[in-house]
Amino acid sequence: MAWGKAGSTTKTSAGAGLAISGLTASKQNVVLTHQLSSTSVSPEYRLDSNSNTDYAWRKSGNGGTDLTVTSDNNAQIDSAGGNNDKFAILYFCNVDSKEKLAISFLVDRSTAGAGTAPNRTEGVSKCDTTTNTGQFTAIDVETGGYVIGIDSNVSALGSELTPASATTIETGSIYIDTDINGRWWYDGTNWNMQPTYQTDFSSSTGWTTVGSNITITGGVIQASSMVTQTNNRIYYDLGSALSDKFVIDFDHYADTASAGGYWQMFALTDTTAIPRTDDAIHALVDMGSWTTYLRHVNEGSETNVGLLGNLTAGQWQYVRFVRDGTTGTLTVYSDSDRTTQVLNVSGTIPATVTGLRYFQSGALSGANAGTTTYKIDNLKIYNGVTSVQE
């Protein structure tokens, strides 16, 4: 059963009468009324302005003896009378061609202050079908000519109401989920998780070069016969650590490399030190065969996550790394849209590998002697997500 607000009236000036009209017919109604004192207050009700003797009621004040009245021109729900603020709830059964049955509960403030207990009235009532044969669509809860105060109110709820149409969500709307520190963007059809940090590294500013033979120009990292055994590398400070959910995309061109050495295609580290010395995730490349491994380092202890496979030299390939909590996935595609997968490896990255705020490329700590030439372009990092909508 769906309940909805069926109507409400608030008095703007003191006086008699407090009614709602134009209610949508419902099989059940809940009516709430708050009547403020002015000169006198004693709620009674009539349905559909029917003042004929069609009502019968029973009420009890503060648990006392029932007062019963039949063939009345309204139904009383208050035993206290007087000039005090009152609040009442009435429950109606409003079935077509049946007598209208009601249960009422009322509280009367009595003397103001905590030194006096309030009064209560409990009641039941009915309106027969002599006049009201159908469902009522109006109710007046002050029918005795009492003068009630400004801001007195009556409100009604109805069952089986059709909910209002949902508000159309504007394309481009953003929702922030504070439980997971995530942002969602609405594309007109679906909600898509948005990165909390995003950059495309189209500029060459902000990079730090260590050693020689590795540079960045126009956003393109270029290693030219870079010696892998020495501390030759380049890194970028992201400004804060990545979360445990992020995506990294870049294009990679494997050119030439000598046999016997190895280096890191990329590394995410928690310090600016050469990778393999503290927490890190990196892709190690064996230069003789361009065989690539996904690895992580936890407090200086390196673990092989899995074998990616052999990169193809002499052409651009398109790399994506995704961390999703304790899972890391490294994938190589043959197309820039990243739809045709050629290599893939996935495995466990411990939750304790944290604080990763530096992107690096170049030499690895303890690497064998060798030289390599390669390029990285179109680097993009998306933090707080595990997929990317271009």
Protein backbone atom coordinates (compact mmCIF):
# COMPACT_ATOMS: atom_id res chain seq x y z
CA MET A 1 0.00 0.00 0.00
CA ALA A 2 1.38 3.39 -1.00
CA TRP A 3 0.60 6.31 1.29
CA GLY A 4 0.81 9.87 0.13
CA LYS A 5 -0.08 13.36 1.26
CA ALA A 6 -3.68 13.99 0.20
CA GLY A 7 -4.08 17.57 1.40
CA SER A 8 -3.32 20.15 4.06
CA THR A 9 -4.79 23.42 5.35
CA THR A 10 -3.21 25.96 7.72
CA LYS A 11 -5.18 28.83 9.23
CA THR A 12 -3.85 32.27 8.38
CA SER A 13 -6.12 34.03 10.86
CA ALA A 14 -7.90 33.03 14.06
CA GLY A 15 -11.50 31.85 13.70
CA ALA A 16 -13.85 28.91 13.31
CA GLY A 17 -13.51 26.11 10.77
CA LEU A 18 -10.50 24.03 9.68
CA ALA A 19 -11.12 21.87 6.64
CA ILE A 20 -9.56 20.08 3.68
CA SER A 21 -11.51 19.64 0.47
CA GLY A 22 -10.73 18.02 -2.86
CA LEU A 23 -9.14 14.89 -1.37
CA THR A 24 -8.46 12.01 -3.72
CA ALA A 25 -10.84 9.24 -2.67
CA SER A 26 -8.93 6.53 -0.74
CA LYS A 27 -10.01 3.39 1.08
CA GLN A 28 -8.01 4.49 4.13
CA ASN A 29 -7.10 7.94 5.39
CA VAL A 30 -5.01 9.27 8.23
CA VAL A 31 -5.91 12.77 9.37
CA LEU A 32 -3.70 14.82 11.70
CA THR A 33 -4.76 18.11 13.24
CA HIS A 34 -2.99 20.57 15.51
CA GLN A 35 -5.36 23.20 16.89
CA LEU A 36 -3.87 26.17 18.74
CA SER A 37 -5.69 28.01 21.49
CA SER A 38 -7.26 31.37 20.83
CA THR A 39 -10.48 31.62 22.86
CA SER A 40 -11.65 27.99 22.81
CA VAL A 41 -10.62 24.66 21.23
CA SER A 42 -12.51 21.35 20.97
CA PRO A 43 -12.04 19.34 17.76
CA GLU A 44 -15.03 17.67 16.12
CA TYR A 45 -15.36 16.44 12.55
CA ARG A 46 -17.77 16.33 9.65
CA LEU A 47 -17.33 14.59 6.29
CA ASP A 48 -18.16 16.30 3.01
CA SER A 49 -19.83 19.20 4.92
CA ASN A 50 -22.57 16.78 6.01
CA SER A 51 -24.31 18.32 9.06
CA ASN A 52 -27.21 15.85 9.16
CA THR A 53 -27.72 13.55 12.12
CA ASP A 54 -25.74 10.74 10.51
CA TYR A 55 -22.99 10.42 13.14
CA ALA A 56 -22.59 8.22 16.20
CA TRP A 57 -19.58 8.34 18.50
CA ARG A 58 -18.03 7.11 21.72
CA LYS A 59 -15.17 8.79 23.63
CA SER A 60 -13.32 8.46 26.91
CA GLY A 61 -11.28 11.15 28.67
CA ASN A 62 -8.16 10.08 30.61
CA GLY A 63 -9.40 6.50 30.79
CA GLY A 64 -12.75 7.42 32.34
CA THR A 65 -16.24 6.17 31.58
CA ASP A 66 -17.29 6.19 27.95
CA LEU A 67 -19.62 8.91 26.72
CA THR A 68 -21.77 7.73 23.83
CA VAL A 69 -23.91 9.83 21.51
CA THR A 70 -26.01 8.69 18.56
CA SER A 71 -27.72 10.51 15.70
CA ASP A 72 -25.48 13.56 16.10
CA ASN A 73 -24.67 16.19 13.47
CA ASN A 74 -20.89 15.72 13.96
CA ALA A 75 -18.46 13.40 15.75
CA GLN A 76 -16.66 14.67 18.83
CA ILE A 77 -13.08 13.54 19.54
CA ASP A 78 -12.17 15.73 22.56
CA SER A 79 -13.17 15.36 26.21
CA ALA A 80 -11.06 18.11 27.76
CA GLY A 81 -12.58 21.19 26.15
CA GLY A 82 -11.18 24.52 27.34
CA ASN A 83 -8.67 26.78 25.73
CA ASN A 84 -5.58 24.60 25.33
CA ASP A 85 -3.50 23.52 22.35
CA LYS A 86 -4.57 20.10 21.05
CA PHE A 87 -3.18 17.50 18.69
CA ALA A 88 -5.21 14.60 17.27
CA ILE A 89 -4.78 11.66 14.91
CA LEU A 90 -7.78 10.04 13.22
CA TYR A 91 -7.76 6.79 11.24
CA PHE A 92 -10.59 6.40 8.70
CA CYS A 93 -11.93 3.47 6.72
CA ASN A 94 -13.42 5.16 3.66
CA VAL A 95 -15.00 2.43 1.53
CA ASP A 96 -17.61 3.26 -1.09
CA SER A 97 -21.25 2.52 -0.03
CA LYS A 98 -20.11 1.52 3.47
CA GLU A 99 -20.38 3.38 6.77
CA LYS A 100 -17.28 5.48 7.41
CA LEU A 101 -15.51 4.15 10.50
CA ALA A 102 -12.94 6.12 12.51
CA ILE A 103 -10.57 5.69 15.46
CA SER A 104 -9.29 8.84 17.13
CA PHE A 105 -6.57 9.74 19.63
CA LEU A 106 -6.18 13.26 21.03
CA VAL A 107 -3.80 14.97 23.44
CA ASP A 108 -4.74 18.21 25.21
CA ARG A 109 -1.89 20.32 26.60
CA SER A 110 -3.74 21.19 29.83
CA THR A 111 -1.99 23.88 31.90
CA ALA A 112 1.25 24.98 30.26
CA GLY A 113 4.50 23.69 31.76
CA ALA A 114 5.93 20.38 32.94
CA GLY A 115 4.11 20.61 36.26
CA THR A 116 0.81 19.45 34.74
CA ALA A 117 0.26 16.22 32.81
CA PRO A 118 -1.59 16.49 29.49
CA ASN A 119 -5.09 15.10 28.97
CA ARG A 120 -5.93 12.30 26.59
CA THR A 121 -9.08 11.37 24.71
CA GLU A 122 -9.67 8.08 22.93
CA GLY A 123 -12.61 7.65 20.65
CA VAL A 124 -14.39 5.72 17.94
CA SER A 125 -17.02 7.06 15.58
CA LYS A 126 -18.92 6.44 12.41
CA CYS A 127 -20.91 8.23 9.73
CA ASP A 128 -23.74 6.22 8.19
CA THR A 129 -24.73 6.09 4.52
CA THR A 130 -27.94 8.09 4.77
CA THR A 131 -26.27 11.12 3.20
CA ASN A 132 -22.71 9.98 2.43
CA THR A 133 -23.16 6.96 0.19
CA GLY A 134 -19.81 7.25 -1.62
CA GLN A 135 -16.27 7.90 -0.41
CA PHE A 136 -15.73 11.23 1.32
CA THR A 137 -13.35 13.76 -0.27
CA ALA A 138 -13.53 16.54 2.33
CA ILE A 139 -13.18 16.75 6.10
CA ASP A 140 -13.69 19.62 8.57
CA VAL A 141 -12.13 19.09 12.03
CA GLU A 142 -13.54 22.22 13.69
CA THR A 143 -17.31 22.27 13.34
CA GLY A 144 -18.45 23.66 16.72
CA GLY A 145 -17.84 27.32 15.93
CA TYR A 146 -14.82 27.49 18.22
CA VAL A 147 -12.24 30.24 17.64
CA ILE A 148 -8.91 28.50 17.04
CA GLY A 149 -5.59 30.23 16.58
CA ILE A 150 -3.52 31.20 13.59
CA ASP A 151 -1.24 28.38 12.24
CA SER A 152 -3.67 25.67 13.35
CA ASN A 153 -3.38 22.88 10.78
CA VAL A 154 -5.09 19.81 9.40
CA SER A 155 -3.31 17.38 7.08
CA ALA A 156 -4.46 14.14 5.47
CA LEU A 157 -2.74 11.07 4.08
CA GLY A 158 -4.43 8.74 1.64
CA SER A 159 -3.78 5.15 0.68
CA GLU A 160 -3.42 3.83 -2.87
CA LEU A 161 -2.34 7.18 -4.23
CA THR A 162 -0.34 7.36 -7.44
CA PRO A 163 3.10 8.73 -6.55
CA ALA A 164 4.15 11.92 -8.22
CA SER A 165 6.26 11.47 -11.32
CA ALA A 166 9.95 11.25 -10.58
CA THR A 167 11.99 14.32 -11.31
CA THR A 168 13.91 13.99 -14.55
CA ILE A 169 17.62 13.69 -13.85
CA GLU A 170 19.60 16.15 -15.92
CA THR A 171 22.31 14.68 -18.10
CA GLY A 172 25.69 15.54 -16.62
CA SER A 173 24.45 15.39 -13.02
CA ILE A 174 27.03 14.34 -10.42
CA TYR A 175 26.31 12.28 -7.29
CA ILE A 176 28.89 12.04 -4.49
CA ASP A 177 28.90 8.85 -2.42
CA THR A 178 30.54 9.78 0.88
CA ASP A 179 30.61 6.13 2.04
CA ILE A 180 33.18 5.17 -0.60
CA ASN A 181 34.48 8.64 -1.45
CA GLY A 182 33.27 8.12 -5.00
CA ARG A 183 31.71 10.38 -7.62
CA TRP A 184 29.10 9.29 -10.16
CA TRP A 185 28.18 11.02 -13.42
CA TYR A 186 24.85 10.57 -15.22
CA ASP A 187 25.17 10.30 -19.02
CA GLY A 188 21.44 10.46 -19.70
CA THR A 189 20.97 6.68 -19.39
CA ASN A 190 23.37 5.30 -16.79
CA TRP A 191 25.29 6.42 -13.73
CA ASN A 192 29.05 6.08 -14.29
CA MET A 193 31.64 6.26 -11.56
CA GLN A 194 33.89 9.30 -11.96
CA PRO A 195 37.54 9.59 -11.01
CA THR A 196 38.45 11.59 -7.92
CA TYR A 197 41.70 12.50 -9.71
CA GLN A 198 42.32 12.58 -13.42
CA THR A 199 45.11 13.86 -15.63
CA ASP A 200 46.27 13.25 -19.21
CA PHE A 201 49.91 14.41 -18.84
CA SER A 202 49.72 16.32 -22.13
CA SER A 203 52.25 18.75 -20.71
CA SER A 204 55.90 18.00 -19.97
CA THR A 205 55.92 20.10 -16.81
CA GLY A 206 56.06 18.54 -13.36
CA TRP A 207 58.37 15.66 -14.30
CA THR A 208 61.71 14.97 -12.60
CA THR A 209 64.51 13.28 -14.57
CA VAL A 210 67.15 11.26 -12.78
CA GLY A 211 70.34 10.22 -14.65
CA SER A 212 70.50 10.45 -18.42
CA ASN A 213 69.11 9.21 -21.72
CA ILE A 214 65.47 9.47 -20.65
CA THR A 215 63.49 12.64 -21.33
CA ILE A 216 59.96 13.94 -21.82
CA THR A 217 58.91 16.27 -24.61
CA GLY A 218 55.33 17.24 -25.43
CA GLY A 219 54.07 14.65 -22.98
CA VAL A 220 56.05 11.81 -24.63
CA ILE A 221 58.55 9.89 -22.49
CA GLN A 222 61.55 8.88 -24.60
CA ALA A 223 64.28 6.48 -23.48
CA SER A 224 67.17 6.45 -25.96
CA SER A 225 69.77 3.73 -25.39
CA MET A 226 69.11 4.17 -21.71
CA VAL A 227 71.42 2.14 -19.48
CA THR A 228 69.24 0.06 -17.18
CA GLN A 229 71.79 -0.81 -14.51
CA THR A 230 72.27 2.79 -13.38
CA ASN A 231 69.75 5.15 -11.84
CA ASN A 232 68.26 6.45 -15.11
CA ARG A 233 64.54 7.14 -14.80
CA ILE A 234 61.81 9.76 -14.78
CA TYR A 235 59.03 10.28 -12.25
CA TYR A 236 55.98 12.44 -11.58
CA ASP A 237 54.47 13.36 -8.21
CA LEU A 238 50.67 12.95 -8.36
CA GLY A 239 50.28 15.15 -5.29
CA SER A 240 48.63 12.50 -3.14
CA ALA A 241 48.51 8.73 -2.91
CA LEU A 242 46.22 6.79 -5.21
CA SER A 243 43.34 4.89 -3.62
CA ASP A 244 43.01 1.12 -3.91
CA LYS A 245 40.96 1.63 -7.09
CA PHE A 246 42.51 3.30 -10.12
CA VAL A 247 43.14 2.95 -13.86
CA ILE A 248 46.31 3.82 -15.79
CA ASP A 249 46.35 4.00 -19.60
CA PHE A 250 49.30 4.71 -21.87
CA ASP A 251 50.63 3.89 -25.33
CA HIS A 252 53.94 2.01 -25.44
CA TYR A 253 56.41 1.67 -28.32
CA ALA A 254 58.99 -1.10 -27.89
CA ASP A 255 61.99 -0.17 -30.09
CA THR A 256 65.31 -1.84 -29.33
CA ALA A 257 66.93 -3.48 -26.33
CA SER A 258 70.04 -5.46 -25.59
CA ALA A 259 69.85 -8.99 -24.22
CA GLY A 260 70.43 -9.79 -20.58
CA GLY A 261 69.07 -6.66 -18.95
CA TYR A 262 65.71 -5.64 -17.63
CA TRP A 263 63.88 -2.43 -16.65
CA GLN A 264 60.47 -1.18 -15.58
CA MET A 265 57.97 -0.19 -18.25
CA PHE A 266 56.18 1.73 -15.49
CA ALA A 267 56.11 1.77 -11.72
CA LEU A 268 53.87 3.27 -9.07
CA THR A 269 55.86 3.95 -5.91
CA ASP A 270 55.38 5.47 -2.49
CA THR A 271 58.68 7.37 -2.59
CA THR A 272 60.86 9.01 -5.24
CA ALA A 273 63.50 6.32 -4.76
CA ILE A 274 64.33 3.91 -7.57
CA PRO A 275 61.65 1.17 -7.71
CA ARG A 276 62.06 -2.15 -5.84
CA THR A 277 63.17 -0.39 -2.66
CA ASP A 278 59.77 0.20 -0.97
CA ASP A 279 56.04 -0.21 -1.72
CA ALA A 280 55.46 -0.35 -5.47
CA ILE A 281 53.57 -1.92 -8.35
CA HIS A 282 55.57 -2.25 -11.56
CA ALA A 283 55.80 -4.00 -14.91
CA LEU A 284 59.27 -5.55 -15.37
CA VAL A 285 60.50 -6.04 -18.93
CA ASP A 286 63.14 -8.61 -19.84
CA MET A 287 64.85 -6.76 -22.66
CA GLY A 288 66.19 -9.69 -24.60
CA SER A 289 62.70 -10.99 -25.38
CA TRP A 290 60.50 -8.07 -24.25
CA THR A 291 58.89 -10.54 -21.86
CA THR A 292 56.88 -8.58 -19.29
CA TYR A 293 55.94 -9.47 -15.70
CA LEU A 294 53.52 -7.77 -13.32
CA ARG A 295 55.08 -7.43 -9.87
CA HIS A 296 54.54 -5.69 -6.56
CA VAL A 297 56.90 -4.66 -3.81
CA ASN A 298 55.79 -4.63 -0.17
CA GLU A 299 58.27 -2.85 2.12
CA GLY A 300 61.14 -3.75 -0.19
CA SER A 301 60.09 -7.39 -0.72
CA GLU A 302 59.32 -8.07 -4.40
CA THR A 303 56.69 -10.63 -5.50
CA ASN A 304 55.89 -11.76 -9.02
CA VAL A 305 52.15 -11.39 -9.65
CA GLY A 306 52.20 -13.10 -13.04
CA LEU A 307 53.57 -13.29 -16.57
CA LEU A 308 52.02 -10.90 -19.07
CA GLY A 309 53.83 -12.26 -22.15
CA ASN A 310 56.07 -10.84 -24.89
CA LEU A 311 55.60 -7.30 -26.18
CA THR A 312 55.86 -6.81 -29.93
CA ALA A 313 58.79 -4.59 -30.89
CA GLY A 314 58.54 -2.00 -33.64
CA GLN A 315 54.93 -0.97 -33.12
CA TRP A 316 52.70 0.93 -30.73
CA GLN A 317 50.78 -1.14 -28.23
CA TYR A 318 48.17 0.13 -25.82
CA VAL A 319 48.50 -0.64 -22.13
CA ARG A 320 45.98 -0.52 -19.30
CA PHE A 321 46.60 -1.31 -15.65
CA VAL A 322 43.67 -1.55 -13.22
CA ARG A 323 43.86 -1.92 -9.48
CA ASP A 324 40.62 -2.99 -7.86
CA GLY A 325 41.28 -3.43 -4.17
CA THR A 326 43.59 -6.44 -3.86
CA THR A 327 43.46 -7.35 -7.55
CA GLY A 328 45.80 -5.94 -10.18
CA THR A 329 45.24 -6.48 -13.92
CA LEU A 330 47.70 -5.56 -16.68
CA THR A 331 46.40 -5.72 -20.25
CA VAL A 332 47.92 -4.90 -23.63
CA TYR A 333 45.69 -4.07 -26.60
CA SER A 334 46.42 -3.75 -30.29
CA ASP A 335 44.14 -0.72 -30.75
CA SER A 336 43.92 2.66 -29.08
CA ASP A 337 40.24 2.11 -28.20
CA ARG A 338 41.39 -0.84 -26.11
CA THR A 339 38.90 -3.30 -27.53
CA THR A 340 41.23 -5.96 -28.96
CA GLN A 341 43.20 -7.64 -26.20
CA VAL A 342 46.51 -9.34 -27.03
CA LEU A 343 48.10 -9.87 -23.60
CA ASN A 344 46.67 -10.03 -20.10
CA VAL A 345 47.68 -10.96 -16.58
CA SER A 346 45.83 -10.58 -13.29
CA GLY A 347 46.69 -11.40 -9.70
CA THR A 348 46.78 -10.35 -6.09
CA ILE A 349 48.13 -7.00 -4.93
CA PRO A 350 48.21 -6.95 -1.11
CA ALA A 351 46.14 -4.27 0.60
CA THR A 352 49.32 -3.28 2.44
CA VAL A 353 50.88 -1.97 -0.79
CA THR A 354 49.80 1.62 -0.23
CA GLY A 355 50.88 5.24 -0.49
CA LEU A 356 51.47 5.07 -4.25
CA ARG A 357 51.77 8.70 -5.37
CA TYR A 358 54.66 8.62 -7.88
CA PHE A 359 54.51 7.40 -11.47
CA GLN A 360 57.92 6.26 -12.72
CA SER A 361 59.51 4.79 -15.83
CA GLY A 362 63.08 3.65 -16.42
CA ALA A 363 65.65 1.70 -14.46
CA LEU A 364 65.01 -0.74 -11.62
CA SER A 365 67.11 -1.20 -8.51
CA GLY A 366 69.60 -4.06 -8.95
CA ALA A 367 68.96 -4.45 -12.67
CA ASN A 368 71.47 -6.16 -14.96
CA ALA A 369 73.47 -4.13 -17.43
CA GLY A 370 71.78 -3.32 -20.71
CA THR A 371 70.35 -0.56 -22.85
CA THR A 372 66.87 0.07 -24.14
CA THR A 373 64.98 2.46 -26.40
CA TYR A 374 61.24 2.92 -25.99
CA LYS A 375 58.48 5.54 -25.85
CA ILE A 376 55.45 6.15 -23.64
CA ASP A 377 52.73 8.52 -24.83
CA ASN A 378 49.16 9.50 -23.95
CA LEU A 379 49.56 8.64 -20.27
CA LYS A 380 46.32 8.99 -18.32
CA ILE A 381 45.59 8.22 -14.69
CA TYR A 382 42.10 7.91 -13.19
CA ASN A 383 41.85 7.54 -9.42
CA GLY A 384 38.84 6.13 -7.57
CA VAL A 385 37.47 4.07 -10.48
CA THR A 386 38.02 0.65 -12.04
CA SER A 387 36.72 1.44 -15.52
CA VAL A 388 36.88 4.39 -17.88
CA GLN A 389 34.17 5.96 -20.05
CA GLU A 390 35.86 7.90 -22.82
